[in-house]
Amino acid sequence: MTARTIAVVTAGLSQPSSTRLLADRLADATRTALGPDTVVEVIELRDTAVDVTNNLLTGFPSPKLKEVIDTVTHADGLIAVTPVFTASYSGLFKSFFDILDKEALEGKPVLLAATGGTERHSLVLDFALRPLFAYLRANPVATGVYAASSDWGSASATGTLQKRVERAAGELAALVSAAPESTVSDELTSLPFEELLAGEGL
């Protein structure tokens, strides 16, 4: 069996960011669960923000964005991590998934995660992220991971977070291992211009 590929989409806006830190922990734990041959491709959405906006306006991805889209759609599994803005996912995070073809993530195993200032925003996993990926017909794992600022503040808190990370990563690894290898075609996987004009993804 060929090595499995995991795409990691992180929507943190600063460098460094707690969103990227959580994404890296999830990726490392997933690689450990799947095996050392696992290929992990990390996508920082902040680096493609202008390309994503232009795609929304024109319906056509730049070569750089097309490569990013292909990485996500061809991966065997996806880790999606967003900061919490106004009690939901960030606009950049949502805009990226808006430009994907509505069937691009169908059946794909996905680990959902988010970061925020306080624990009270943890419901974003179930009330914002899960409905979005259910609409995209992806296959989210049972355990979502939310990390508040306090989760990074002490050894005991970090240990508790790591347990959640490892549990979610194990669930993602199990789904990826059980699924057939991704065979997405090389056709354009962003939303066609005529569908954008018709209101799809708006």
N, C-alpha and C. Protein backbone atom coordinates (compact mmCIF):
# COMPACT_ATOMS: atom_id res chain seq x y z
N MET A 1 0.85 -1.19 0.00
CA MET A 1 0.00 0.00 0.00
C MET A 1 0.88 1.24 0.00
N THR A 2 0.53 2.23 -0.84
CA THR A 2 1.30 3.46 -0.88
C THR A 2 1.06 4.28 0.38
N ALA A 3 1.98 5.21 0.63
CA ALA A 3 1.85 6.06 1.81
C ALA A 3 0.60 6.92 1.72
N ARG A 4 -0.07 7.09 2.82
CA ARG A 4 -1.25 7.95 2.87
C ARG A 4 -0.83 9.41 3.00
N THR A 5 -1.67 10.29 2.47
CA THR A 5 -1.40 11.73 2.53
C THR A 5 -2.46 12.42 3.36
N ILE A 6 -2.01 13.26 4.29
CA ILE A 6 -2.91 14.06 5.13
C ILE A 6 -2.69 15.53 4.80
N ALA A 7 -3.75 16.22 4.41
CA ALA A 7 -3.68 17.66 4.19
C ALA A 7 -4.10 18.37 5.47
N VAL A 8 -3.35 19.38 5.84
CA VAL A 8 -3.64 20.14 7.05
C VAL A 8 -3.92 21.59 6.64
N VAL A 9 -5.16 22.04 6.83
CA VAL A 9 -5.54 23.41 6.50
C VAL A 9 -5.64 24.20 7.79
N THR A 10 -4.81 25.22 7.92
CA THR A 10 -4.82 26.04 9.13
C THR A 10 -5.07 27.49 8.76
N ALA A 11 -6.00 28.12 9.47
CA ALA A 11 -6.44 29.47 9.11
C ALA A 11 -5.96 30.53 10.09
N GLY A 12 -4.90 30.25 10.82
CA GLY A 12 -4.34 31.27 11.71
C GLY A 12 -3.82 32.46 10.92
N LEU A 13 -3.94 33.64 11.49
CA LEU A 13 -3.54 34.86 10.78
C LEU A 13 -2.19 35.39 11.19
N SER A 14 -1.71 34.99 12.34
CA SER A 14 -0.42 35.50 12.83
C SER A 14 0.64 34.41 12.71
N GLN A 15 1.88 34.83 12.84
CA GLN A 15 3.00 33.90 12.86
C GLN A 15 3.94 34.24 14.00
N PRO A 16 4.11 33.32 14.95
CA PRO A 16 3.42 32.03 15.06
C PRO A 16 2.00 32.22 15.56
N SER A 17 1.19 31.17 15.49
CA SER A 17 -0.19 31.24 15.96
C SER A 17 -0.52 29.97 16.72
N SER A 18 -1.45 30.08 17.66
CA SER A 18 -1.89 28.88 18.38
C SER A 18 -2.63 27.93 17.44
N THR A 19 -3.24 28.48 16.39
CA THR A 19 -3.93 27.64 15.42
C THR A 19 -2.94 26.74 14.70
N ARG A 20 -1.82 27.29 14.27
CA ARG A 20 -0.79 26.47 13.61
C ARG A 20 -0.18 25.49 14.60
N LEU A 21 0.01 25.93 15.85
CA LEU A 21 0.57 25.04 16.86
C LEU A 21 -0.33 23.83 17.06
N LEU A 22 -1.65 24.05 17.15
CA LEU A 22 -2.58 22.93 17.31
C LEU A 22 -2.57 22.06 16.06
N ALA A 23 -2.53 22.67 14.89
CA ALA A 23 -2.49 21.91 13.64
C ALA A 23 -1.28 21.00 13.59
N ASP A 24 -0.13 21.51 14.01
CA ASP A 24 1.09 20.70 14.00
C ASP A 24 0.99 19.52 14.97
N ARG A 25 0.39 19.76 16.14
CA ARG A 25 0.23 18.65 17.10
C ARG A 25 -0.68 17.57 16.53
N LEU A 26 -1.76 17.99 15.90
CA LEU A 26 -2.68 17.02 15.32
C LEU A 26 -2.03 16.25 14.18
N ALA A 27 -1.25 16.95 13.37
CA ALA A 27 -0.56 16.30 12.26
C ALA A 27 0.46 15.29 12.78
N ASP A 28 1.23 15.67 13.79
CA ASP A 28 2.23 14.76 14.34
C ASP A 28 1.58 13.51 14.94
N ALA A 29 0.47 13.72 15.66
CA ALA A 29 -0.21 12.58 16.27
C ALA A 29 -0.82 11.67 15.22
N THR A 30 -1.33 12.26 14.14
CA THR A 30 -1.91 11.45 13.07
C THR A 30 -0.83 10.66 12.35
N ARG A 31 0.32 11.28 12.11
CA ARG A 31 1.43 10.57 11.48
C ARG A 31 1.90 9.40 12.35
N THR A 32 1.94 9.64 13.65
CA THR A 32 2.33 8.58 14.57
C THR A 32 1.35 7.41 14.50
N ALA A 33 0.06 7.73 14.42
CA ALA A 33 -0.97 6.70 14.38
C ALA A 33 -0.99 5.95 13.05
N LEU A 34 -0.70 6.65 11.96
CA LEU A 34 -0.75 6.02 10.63
C LEU A 34 0.56 5.35 10.24
N GLY A 35 1.67 5.86 10.77
CA GLY A 35 2.97 5.30 10.41
C GLY A 35 3.90 6.35 9.86
N PRO A 36 5.19 6.12 9.93
CA PRO A 36 6.20 7.12 9.55
C PRO A 36 6.21 7.47 8.07
N ASP A 37 5.62 6.62 7.22
CA ASP A 37 5.59 6.90 5.79
C ASP A 37 4.49 7.89 5.39
N THR A 38 3.67 8.27 6.35
CA THR A 38 2.57 9.20 6.08
C THR A 38 3.11 10.56 5.61
N VAL A 39 2.53 11.06 4.54
CA VAL A 39 2.92 12.36 3.99
C VAL A 39 1.96 13.42 4.53
N VAL A 40 2.50 14.46 5.15
CA VAL A 40 1.69 15.54 5.70
C VAL A 40 1.96 16.82 4.91
N GLU A 41 0.91 17.40 4.34
CA GLU A 41 1.02 18.65 3.58
C GLU A 41 0.28 19.74 4.35
N VAL A 42 1.01 20.75 4.83
CA VAL A 42 0.42 21.83 5.63
C VAL A 42 0.14 23.04 4.73
N ILE A 43 -1.08 23.55 4.84
CA ILE A 43 -1.50 24.70 4.04
C ILE A 43 -1.86 25.84 4.97
N GLU A 44 -1.10 26.92 4.90
CA GLU A 44 -1.39 28.14 5.66
C GLU A 44 -2.28 29.02 4.79
N LEU A 45 -3.55 29.14 5.15
CA LEU A 45 -4.47 29.91 4.32
C LEU A 45 -4.10 31.38 4.23
N ARG A 46 -3.42 31.90 5.23
CA ARG A 46 -3.01 33.32 5.18
C ARG A 46 -2.13 33.59 3.97
N ASP A 47 -1.42 32.58 3.50
CA ASP A 47 -0.53 32.75 2.35
C ASP A 47 -1.29 32.76 1.03
N THR A 48 -2.56 32.37 1.05
CA THR A 48 -3.36 32.33 -0.18
C THR A 48 -4.59 33.22 -0.08
N ALA A 49 -4.62 34.12 0.90
CA ALA A 49 -5.82 34.93 1.14
C ALA A 49 -6.22 35.75 -0.08
N VAL A 50 -5.26 36.38 -0.74
CA VAL A 50 -5.56 37.20 -1.92
C VAL A 50 -6.06 36.30 -3.05
N ASP A 51 -5.44 35.14 -3.22
CA ASP A 51 -5.84 34.22 -4.28
C ASP A 51 -7.26 33.71 -4.05
N VAL A 52 -7.60 33.43 -2.78
CA VAL A 52 -8.95 32.96 -2.46
C VAL A 52 -9.97 34.04 -2.79
N THR A 53 -9.67 35.29 -2.43
CA THR A 53 -10.58 36.41 -2.72
C THR A 53 -10.77 36.58 -4.22
N ASN A 54 -9.67 36.53 -4.97
CA ASN A 54 -9.77 36.67 -6.42
C ASN A 54 -10.57 35.54 -7.04
N ASN A 55 -10.45 34.33 -6.50
CA ASN A 55 -11.22 33.20 -7.00
C ASN A 55 -12.72 33.41 -6.75
N LEU A 56 -13.05 33.96 -5.60
CA LEU A 56 -14.46 34.24 -5.31
C LEU A 56 -15.03 35.26 -6.30
N LEU A 57 -14.19 36.22 -6.71
CA LEU A 57 -14.65 37.28 -7.59
C LEU A 57 -14.68 36.87 -9.06
N THR A 58 -13.74 36.03 -9.47
CA THR A 58 -13.62 35.68 -10.89
C THR A 58 -14.07 34.27 -11.22
N GLY A 59 -14.04 33.37 -10.23
CA GLY A 59 -14.39 31.99 -10.50
C GLY A 59 -13.24 31.14 -10.98
N PHE A 60 -12.04 31.73 -11.02
CA PHE A 60 -10.88 31.00 -11.51
C PHE A 60 -9.75 31.05 -10.50
N PRO A 61 -9.16 29.90 -10.15
CA PRO A 61 -8.05 29.89 -9.20
C PRO A 61 -6.74 30.24 -9.89
N SER A 62 -5.86 30.90 -9.16
CA SER A 62 -4.51 31.12 -9.66
C SER A 62 -3.77 29.78 -9.65
N PRO A 63 -2.65 29.67 -10.35
CA PRO A 63 -1.88 28.42 -10.31
C PRO A 63 -1.50 28.02 -8.88
N LYS A 64 -1.17 29.00 -8.06
CA LYS A 64 -0.81 28.73 -6.67
C LYS A 64 -2.00 28.14 -5.92
N LEU A 65 -3.17 28.75 -6.09
CA LEU A 65 -4.36 28.27 -5.40
C LEU A 65 -4.82 26.93 -5.96
N LYS A 66 -4.67 26.72 -7.25
CA LYS A 66 -5.03 25.44 -7.85
C LYS A 66 -4.21 24.31 -7.23
N GLU A 67 -2.95 24.57 -6.97
CA GLU A 67 -2.10 23.57 -6.33
C GLU A 67 -2.57 23.25 -4.92
N VAL A 68 -2.99 24.29 -4.20
CA VAL A 68 -3.51 24.10 -2.85
C VAL A 68 -4.80 23.29 -2.87
N ILE A 69 -5.70 23.63 -3.78
CA ILE A 69 -6.96 22.91 -3.90
C ILE A 69 -6.72 21.45 -4.23
N ASP A 70 -5.79 21.19 -5.13
CA ASP A 70 -5.48 19.81 -5.50
C ASP A 70 -4.91 19.04 -4.31
N THR A 71 -4.09 19.71 -3.51
CA THR A 71 -3.53 19.05 -2.33
C THR A 71 -4.63 18.59 -1.39
N VAL A 72 -5.61 19.45 -1.17
CA VAL A 72 -6.72 19.12 -0.26
C VAL A 72 -7.60 18.03 -0.84
N THR A 73 -7.96 18.17 -2.10
CA THR A 73 -8.93 17.23 -2.67
C THR A 73 -8.32 15.86 -2.95
N HIS A 74 -7.01 15.79 -3.17
CA HIS A 74 -6.37 14.50 -3.44
C HIS A 74 -5.90 13.79 -2.18
N ALA A 75 -5.91 14.47 -1.05
CA ALA A 75 -5.43 13.87 0.20
C ALA A 75 -6.36 12.75 0.65
N ASP A 76 -5.79 11.80 1.38
CA ASP A 76 -6.60 10.71 1.93
C ASP A 76 -7.37 11.14 3.17
N GLY A 77 -6.89 12.17 3.85
CA GLY A 77 -7.56 12.69 5.03
C GLY A 77 -7.26 14.17 5.19
N LEU A 78 -8.09 14.85 5.94
CA LEU A 78 -7.96 16.30 6.11
C LEU A 78 -8.03 16.68 7.58
N ILE A 79 -7.14 17.57 7.99
CA ILE A 79 -7.20 18.20 9.31
C ILE A 79 -7.50 19.67 9.06
N ALA A 80 -8.61 20.17 9.58
CA ALA A 80 -9.03 21.55 9.35
C ALA A 80 -9.09 22.30 10.68
N VAL A 81 -8.29 23.36 10.79
CA VAL A 81 -8.17 24.09 12.05
C VAL A 81 -8.40 25.58 11.81
N THR A 82 -9.29 26.16 12.59
CA THR A 82 -9.60 27.58 12.45
C THR A 82 -9.57 28.29 13.79
N PRO A 83 -9.19 29.57 13.81
CA PRO A 83 -9.41 30.36 15.02
C PRO A 83 -10.89 30.73 15.09
N VAL A 84 -11.37 31.01 16.29
CA VAL A 84 -12.77 31.40 16.47
C VAL A 84 -12.87 32.92 16.38
N PHE A 85 -13.67 33.40 15.44
CA PHE A 85 -13.95 34.82 15.29
C PHE A 85 -15.46 35.02 15.42
N THR A 86 -15.89 35.86 16.35
CA THR A 86 -17.31 36.16 16.54
C THR A 86 -18.13 34.88 16.64
N ALA A 87 -17.68 33.97 17.48
CA ALA A 87 -18.39 32.73 17.82
C ALA A 87 -18.51 31.76 16.65
N SER A 88 -17.64 31.88 15.64
CA SER A 88 -17.71 30.95 14.52
C SER A 88 -16.32 30.82 13.90
N TYR A 89 -16.25 30.07 12.78
CA TYR A 89 -14.99 29.96 12.06
C TYR A 89 -14.64 31.30 11.42
N SER A 90 -13.39 31.46 11.03
CA SER A 90 -12.95 32.72 10.43
C SER A 90 -13.48 32.85 9.00
N GLY A 91 -13.55 34.08 8.53
CA GLY A 91 -14.00 34.31 7.17
C GLY A 91 -13.08 33.69 6.13
N LEU A 92 -11.78 33.74 6.38
CA LEU A 92 -10.82 33.15 5.45
C LEU A 92 -11.02 31.65 5.36
N PHE A 93 -11.23 31.01 6.49
CA PHE A 93 -11.49 29.56 6.53
C PHE A 93 -12.72 29.22 5.70
N LYS A 94 -13.81 29.94 5.94
CA LYS A 94 -15.06 29.67 5.21
C LYS A 94 -14.90 29.96 3.73
N SER A 95 -14.22 31.04 3.38
CA SER A 95 -14.06 31.40 1.97
C SER A 95 -13.30 30.32 1.21
N PHE A 96 -12.30 29.73 1.85
CA PHE A 96 -11.56 28.67 1.16
C PHE A 96 -12.47 27.49 0.84
N PHE A 97 -13.27 27.07 1.79
CA PHE A 97 -14.14 25.92 1.52
C PHE A 97 -15.30 26.29 0.60
N ASP A 98 -15.62 27.59 0.51
CA ASP A 98 -16.63 28.04 -0.45
C ASP A 98 -16.19 27.82 -1.89
N ILE A 99 -14.90 27.94 -2.17
CA ILE A 99 -14.45 27.86 -3.55
C ILE A 99 -14.23 26.42 -4.03
N LEU A 100 -14.31 25.47 -3.12
CA LEU A 100 -14.19 24.07 -3.52
C LEU A 100 -15.47 23.61 -4.20
N ASP A 101 -15.33 22.69 -5.13
CA ASP A 101 -16.50 22.06 -5.71
C ASP A 101 -17.30 21.39 -4.59
N LYS A 102 -18.61 21.43 -4.69
CA LYS A 102 -19.45 20.96 -3.60
C LYS A 102 -19.30 19.46 -3.34
N GLU A 103 -18.70 18.72 -4.26
CA GLU A 103 -18.49 17.29 -4.06
C GLU A 103 -17.03 16.94 -3.81
N ALA A 104 -16.17 17.94 -3.69
CA ALA A 104 -14.74 17.70 -3.59
C ALA A 104 -14.34 16.94 -2.33
N LEU A 105 -15.10 17.12 -1.25
CA LEU A 105 -14.74 16.47 0.01
C LEU A 105 -15.67 15.33 0.37
N GLU A 106 -16.49 14.90 -0.57
CA GLU A 106 -17.48 13.85 -0.28
C GLU A 106 -16.80 12.59 0.24
N GLY A 107 -17.19 12.17 1.45
CA GLY A 107 -16.67 10.95 2.05
C GLY A 107 -15.27 11.06 2.63
N LYS A 108 -14.64 12.21 2.53
CA LYS A 108 -13.25 12.34 2.99
C LYS A 108 -13.21 12.42 4.52
N PRO A 109 -12.36 11.60 5.17
CA PRO A 109 -12.20 11.70 6.63
C PRO A 109 -11.60 13.06 7.01
N VAL A 110 -12.24 13.71 8.00
CA VAL A 110 -11.82 15.05 8.41
C VAL A 110 -11.75 15.13 9.92
N LEU A 111 -10.69 15.72 10.41
CA LEU A 111 -10.55 16.02 11.84
C LEU A 111 -10.77 17.53 12.00
N LEU A 112 -11.76 17.91 12.80
CA LEU A 112 -12.11 19.31 12.98
C LEU A 112 -11.51 19.85 14.27
N ALA A 113 -10.93 21.05 14.20
CA ALA A 113 -10.31 21.64 15.38
C ALA A 113 -10.41 23.16 15.32
N ALA A 114 -10.34 23.77 16.49
CA ALA A 114 -10.44 25.23 16.57
C ALA A 114 -9.67 25.73 17.78
N THR A 115 -9.30 27.00 17.73
CA THR A 115 -8.64 27.66 18.85
C THR A 115 -9.38 28.93 19.20
N GLY A 116 -9.32 29.30 20.47
CA GLY A 116 -9.99 30.52 20.91
C GLY A 116 -9.46 30.97 22.25
N GLY A 117 -9.94 32.12 22.68
CA GLY A 117 -9.44 32.70 23.92
C GLY A 117 -9.94 32.00 25.18
N THR A 118 -11.20 31.56 25.16
CA THR A 118 -11.78 30.94 26.35
C THR A 118 -12.49 29.65 25.99
N GLU A 119 -12.76 28.85 27.01
CA GLU A 119 -13.41 27.55 26.80
C GLU A 119 -14.85 27.70 26.30
N ARG A 120 -15.47 28.84 26.55
CA ARG A 120 -16.90 29.00 26.20
C ARG A 120 -17.13 28.94 24.68
N HIS A 121 -16.08 29.11 23.89
CA HIS A 121 -16.23 29.06 22.44
C HIS A 121 -16.10 27.65 21.88
N SER A 122 -15.94 26.66 22.75
CA SER A 122 -15.70 25.30 22.26
C SER A 122 -16.88 24.73 21.47
N LEU A 123 -18.08 25.29 21.68
CA LEU A 123 -19.26 24.80 20.95
C LEU A 123 -19.18 25.08 19.46
N VAL A 124 -18.20 25.89 19.04
CA VAL A 124 -18.02 26.16 17.61
C VAL A 124 -17.81 24.86 16.83
N LEU A 125 -17.24 23.87 17.49
CA LEU A 125 -16.99 22.59 16.81
C LEU A 125 -18.30 21.94 16.35
N ASP A 126 -19.30 21.95 17.23
CA ASP A 126 -20.55 21.25 16.94
C ASP A 126 -21.60 22.12 16.26
N PHE A 127 -21.52 23.45 16.47
CA PHE A 127 -22.58 24.31 15.94
C PHE A 127 -22.15 25.12 14.72
N ALA A 128 -20.88 25.06 14.33
CA ALA A 128 -20.43 25.75 13.13
C ALA A 128 -19.65 24.82 12.20
N LEU A 129 -18.63 24.18 12.73
CA LEU A 129 -17.78 23.35 11.87
C LEU A 129 -18.49 22.08 11.38
N ARG A 130 -19.15 21.37 12.28
CA ARG A 130 -19.80 20.12 11.85
C ARG A 130 -20.90 20.37 10.81
N PRO A 131 -21.76 21.37 10.98
CA PRO A 131 -22.75 21.62 9.93
C PRO A 131 -22.12 21.97 8.58
N LEU A 132 -21.02 22.72 8.59
CA LEU A 132 -20.34 23.06 7.34
C LEU A 132 -19.84 21.81 6.62
N PHE A 133 -19.18 20.93 7.35
CA PHE A 133 -18.62 19.75 6.71
C PHE A 133 -19.67 18.67 6.44
N ALA A 134 -20.78 18.73 7.16
CA ALA A 134 -21.90 17.86 6.81
C ALA A 134 -22.48 18.28 5.47
N TYR A 135 -22.59 19.59 5.25
CA TYR A 135 -23.07 20.09 3.96
C TYR A 135 -22.14 19.67 2.83
N LEU A 136 -20.84 19.67 3.10
CA LEU A 136 -19.86 19.27 2.09
C LEU A 136 -19.77 17.74 1.95
N ARG A 137 -20.54 17.02 2.76
CA ARG A 137 -20.62 15.56 2.73
C ARG A 137 -19.28 14.89 3.03
N ALA A 138 -18.50 15.56 3.88
CA ALA A 138 -17.26 14.96 4.37
C ALA A 138 -17.60 13.99 5.49
N ASN A 139 -16.58 13.35 6.05
CA ASN A 139 -16.80 12.35 7.10
C ASN A 139 -15.98 12.73 8.33
N PRO A 140 -16.49 13.67 9.16
CA PRO A 140 -15.73 14.11 10.33
C PRO A 140 -15.61 13.00 11.39
N VAL A 141 -14.47 12.97 12.06
CA VAL A 141 -14.29 12.01 13.16
C VAL A 141 -15.14 12.46 14.34
N ALA A 142 -15.38 11.54 15.25
CA ALA A 142 -16.27 11.82 16.38
C ALA A 142 -15.71 12.87 17.32
N THR A 143 -14.39 12.88 17.50
CA THR A 143 -13.77 13.79 18.46
C THR A 143 -13.24 15.03 17.75
N GLY A 144 -13.77 16.19 18.10
CA GLY A 144 -13.21 17.46 17.66
C GLY A 144 -12.28 17.97 18.74
N VAL A 145 -11.35 18.83 18.38
CA VAL A 145 -10.38 19.34 19.34
C VAL A 145 -10.46 20.86 19.39
N TYR A 146 -10.74 21.37 20.58
CA TYR A 146 -10.75 22.81 20.80
C TYR A 146 -9.66 23.15 21.82
N ALA A 147 -8.87 24.16 21.52
CA ALA A 147 -7.81 24.59 22.44
C ALA A 147 -8.01 26.05 22.80
N ALA A 148 -8.25 26.31 24.09
CA ALA A 148 -8.33 27.68 24.59
C ALA A 148 -6.95 28.13 25.04
N SER A 149 -6.83 29.41 25.33
CA SER A 149 -5.54 29.93 25.79
C SER A 149 -5.03 29.19 27.02
N SER A 150 -5.94 28.80 27.90
CA SER A 150 -5.55 28.11 29.13
C SER A 150 -4.97 26.72 28.87
N ASP A 151 -5.25 26.15 27.70
CA ASP A 151 -4.73 24.82 27.39
C ASP A 151 -3.22 24.83 27.14
N TRP A 152 -2.67 26.01 26.93
CA TRP A 152 -1.24 26.11 26.68
C TRP A 152 -0.49 26.61 27.91
N GLY A 153 -1.23 26.85 29.01
CA GLY A 153 -0.64 27.58 30.12
C GLY A 153 0.05 26.78 31.20
N SER A 154 -0.17 25.46 31.26
CA SER A 154 0.44 24.66 32.31
C SER A 154 0.68 23.25 31.81
N ALA A 155 1.51 22.52 32.52
CA ALA A 155 1.83 21.16 32.12
C ALA A 155 0.59 20.27 32.18
N SER A 156 -0.24 20.45 33.22
CA SER A 156 -1.43 19.60 33.34
C SER A 156 -2.44 19.91 32.25
N ALA A 157 -2.62 21.21 31.94
CA ALA A 157 -3.56 21.59 30.88
C ALA A 157 -3.07 21.09 29.52
N THR A 158 -1.78 21.23 29.27
CA THR A 158 -1.22 20.77 28.01
C THR A 158 -1.35 19.26 27.88
N GLY A 159 -1.20 18.55 29.00
CA GLY A 159 -1.36 17.10 28.98
C GLY A 159 -2.78 16.69 28.65
N THR A 160 -3.75 17.42 29.16
CA THR A 160 -5.16 17.14 28.87
C THR A 160 -5.45 17.39 27.39
N LEU A 161 -4.92 18.48 26.88
CA LEU A 161 -5.09 18.78 25.45
C LEU A 161 -4.47 17.68 24.59
N GLN A 162 -3.29 17.23 24.98
CA GLN A 162 -2.60 16.21 24.19
C GLN A 162 -3.39 14.91 24.14
N LYS A 163 -4.08 14.58 25.22
CA LYS A 163 -4.92 13.39 25.22
C LYS A 163 -6.05 13.51 24.20
N ARG A 164 -6.65 14.71 24.13
CA ARG A 164 -7.70 14.93 23.13
C ARG A 164 -7.13 14.86 21.72
N VAL A 165 -5.96 15.44 21.55
CA VAL A 165 -5.29 15.41 20.25
C VAL A 165 -5.04 13.98 19.80
N GLU A 166 -4.51 13.16 20.69
CA GLU A 166 -4.18 11.78 20.34
C GLU A 166 -5.42 10.95 20.07
N ARG A 167 -6.50 11.20 20.84
CA ARG A 167 -7.74 10.47 20.59
C ARG A 167 -8.31 10.82 19.22
N ALA A 168 -8.37 12.11 18.90
CA ALA A 168 -8.90 12.53 17.61
C ALA A 168 -8.02 12.04 16.46
N ALA A 169 -6.71 12.11 16.64
CA ALA A 169 -5.79 11.65 15.59
C ALA A 169 -5.95 10.16 15.36
N GLY A 170 -6.15 9.40 16.43
CA GLY A 170 -6.37 7.96 16.29
C GLY A 170 -7.63 7.66 15.51
N GLU A 171 -8.68 8.44 15.75
CA GLU A 171 -9.93 8.25 15.02
C GLU A 171 -9.75 8.58 13.54
N LEU A 172 -9.01 9.66 13.25
CA LEU A 172 -8.76 10.01 11.85
C LEU A 172 -7.94 8.92 11.16
N ALA A 173 -6.91 8.44 11.84
CA ALA A 173 -6.07 7.39 11.27
C ALA A 173 -6.88 6.13 10.97
N ALA A 174 -7.82 5.79 11.85
CA ALA A 174 -8.65 4.61 11.65
C ALA A 174 -9.53 4.76 10.41
N LEU A 175 -10.11 5.94 10.22
CA LEU A 175 -10.95 6.18 9.05
C LEU A 175 -10.13 6.16 7.77
N VAL A 176 -8.97 6.80 7.81
CA VAL A 176 -8.11 6.85 6.62
C VAL A 176 -7.64 5.45 6.24
N SER A 177 -7.27 4.67 7.24
CA SER A 177 -6.78 3.31 6.97
C SER A 177 -7.86 2.42 6.39
N ALA A 178 -9.10 2.65 6.81
CA ALA A 178 -10.21 1.81 6.35
C ALA A 178 -10.74 2.23 4.99
N ALA A 179 -10.44 3.46 4.57
CA ALA A 179 -10.98 3.98 3.32
C ALA A 179 -10.08 3.63 2.15
N PRO A 180 -10.64 3.51 0.94
CA PRO A 180 -9.80 3.32 -0.25
C PRO A 180 -8.96 4.58 -0.48
N GLU A 181 -7.83 4.41 -1.14
CA GLU A 181 -6.96 5.55 -1.41
C GLU A 181 -7.69 6.54 -2.31
N SER A 182 -7.41 7.84 -2.08
CA SER A 182 -8.09 8.89 -2.83
C SER A 182 -7.80 8.77 -4.32
N THR A 183 -8.86 8.88 -5.14
CA THR A 183 -8.72 8.79 -6.59
C THR A 183 -9.41 9.96 -7.27
N VAL A 184 -9.31 11.16 -6.68
CA VAL A 184 -9.94 12.34 -7.26
C VAL A 184 -9.32 12.63 -8.62
N SER A 185 -10.14 12.99 -9.58
CA SER A 185 -9.63 13.30 -10.92
C SER A 185 -8.89 14.62 -10.89
N ASP A 186 -8.17 14.89 -11.98
CA ASP A 186 -7.40 16.12 -12.08
C ASP A 186 -8.21 17.27 -12.63
N GLU A 187 -9.52 17.11 -12.76
CA GLU A 187 -10.34 18.21 -13.24
C GLU A 187 -10.36 19.32 -12.21
N LEU A 188 -10.68 20.54 -12.68
CA LEU A 188 -10.72 21.69 -11.80
C LEU A 188 -11.69 21.44 -10.66
N THR A 189 -11.23 21.63 -9.42
CA THR A 189 -12.05 21.29 -8.27
C THR A 189 -12.52 22.50 -7.50
N SER A 190 -12.28 23.70 -8.02
CA SER A 190 -12.89 24.88 -7.42
C SER A 190 -14.26 25.08 -8.07
N LEU A 191 -15.09 25.91 -7.47
CA LEU A 191 -16.45 26.09 -7.94
C LEU A 191 -16.46 26.80 -9.29
N PRO A 192 -17.14 26.25 -10.31
CA PRO A 192 -17.17 26.87 -11.63
C PRO A 192 -17.78 28.26 -11.59
N PHE A 193 -17.35 29.12 -12.53
CA PHE A 193 -17.80 30.50 -12.55
C PHE A 193 -19.30 30.62 -12.71
N GLU A 194 -19.89 29.77 -13.57
CA GLU A 194 -21.34 29.86 -13.78
C GLU A 194 -22.12 29.53 -12.52
N GLU A 195 -21.56 28.64 -11.67
CA GLU A 195 -22.24 28.32 -10.42
C GLU A 195 -22.12 29.47 -9.43
N LEU A 196 -20.96 30.17 -9.45
CA LEU A 196 -20.83 31.36 -8.61
C LEU A 196 -21.83 32.42 -9.01
N LEU A 197 -22.02 32.62 -10.33
CA LEU A 197 -22.98 33.59 -10.81
C LEU A 197 -24.40 33.22 -10.42
N ALA A 198 -24.64 31.92 -10.33
CA ALA A 198 -25.98 31.45 -9.96
C ALA A 198 -26.22 31.49 -8.46
N GLY A 199 -25.18 31.87 -7.69
CA GLY A 199 -25.34 32.01 -6.24
C GLY A 199 -24.79 30.87 -5.45
N GLU A 200 -24.16 29.85 -6.10
CA GLU A 200 -23.60 28.73 -5.36
C GLU A 200 -22.42 29.20 -4.53
N GLY A 201 -22.38 28.80 -3.27
CA GLY A 201 -21.25 29.13 -2.40
C GLY A 201 -21.32 30.51 -1.82
N LEU A 202 -22.40 31.31 -2.09
CA LEU A 202 -22.48 32.67 -1.55
C LEU A 202 -23.23 32.67 -0.24
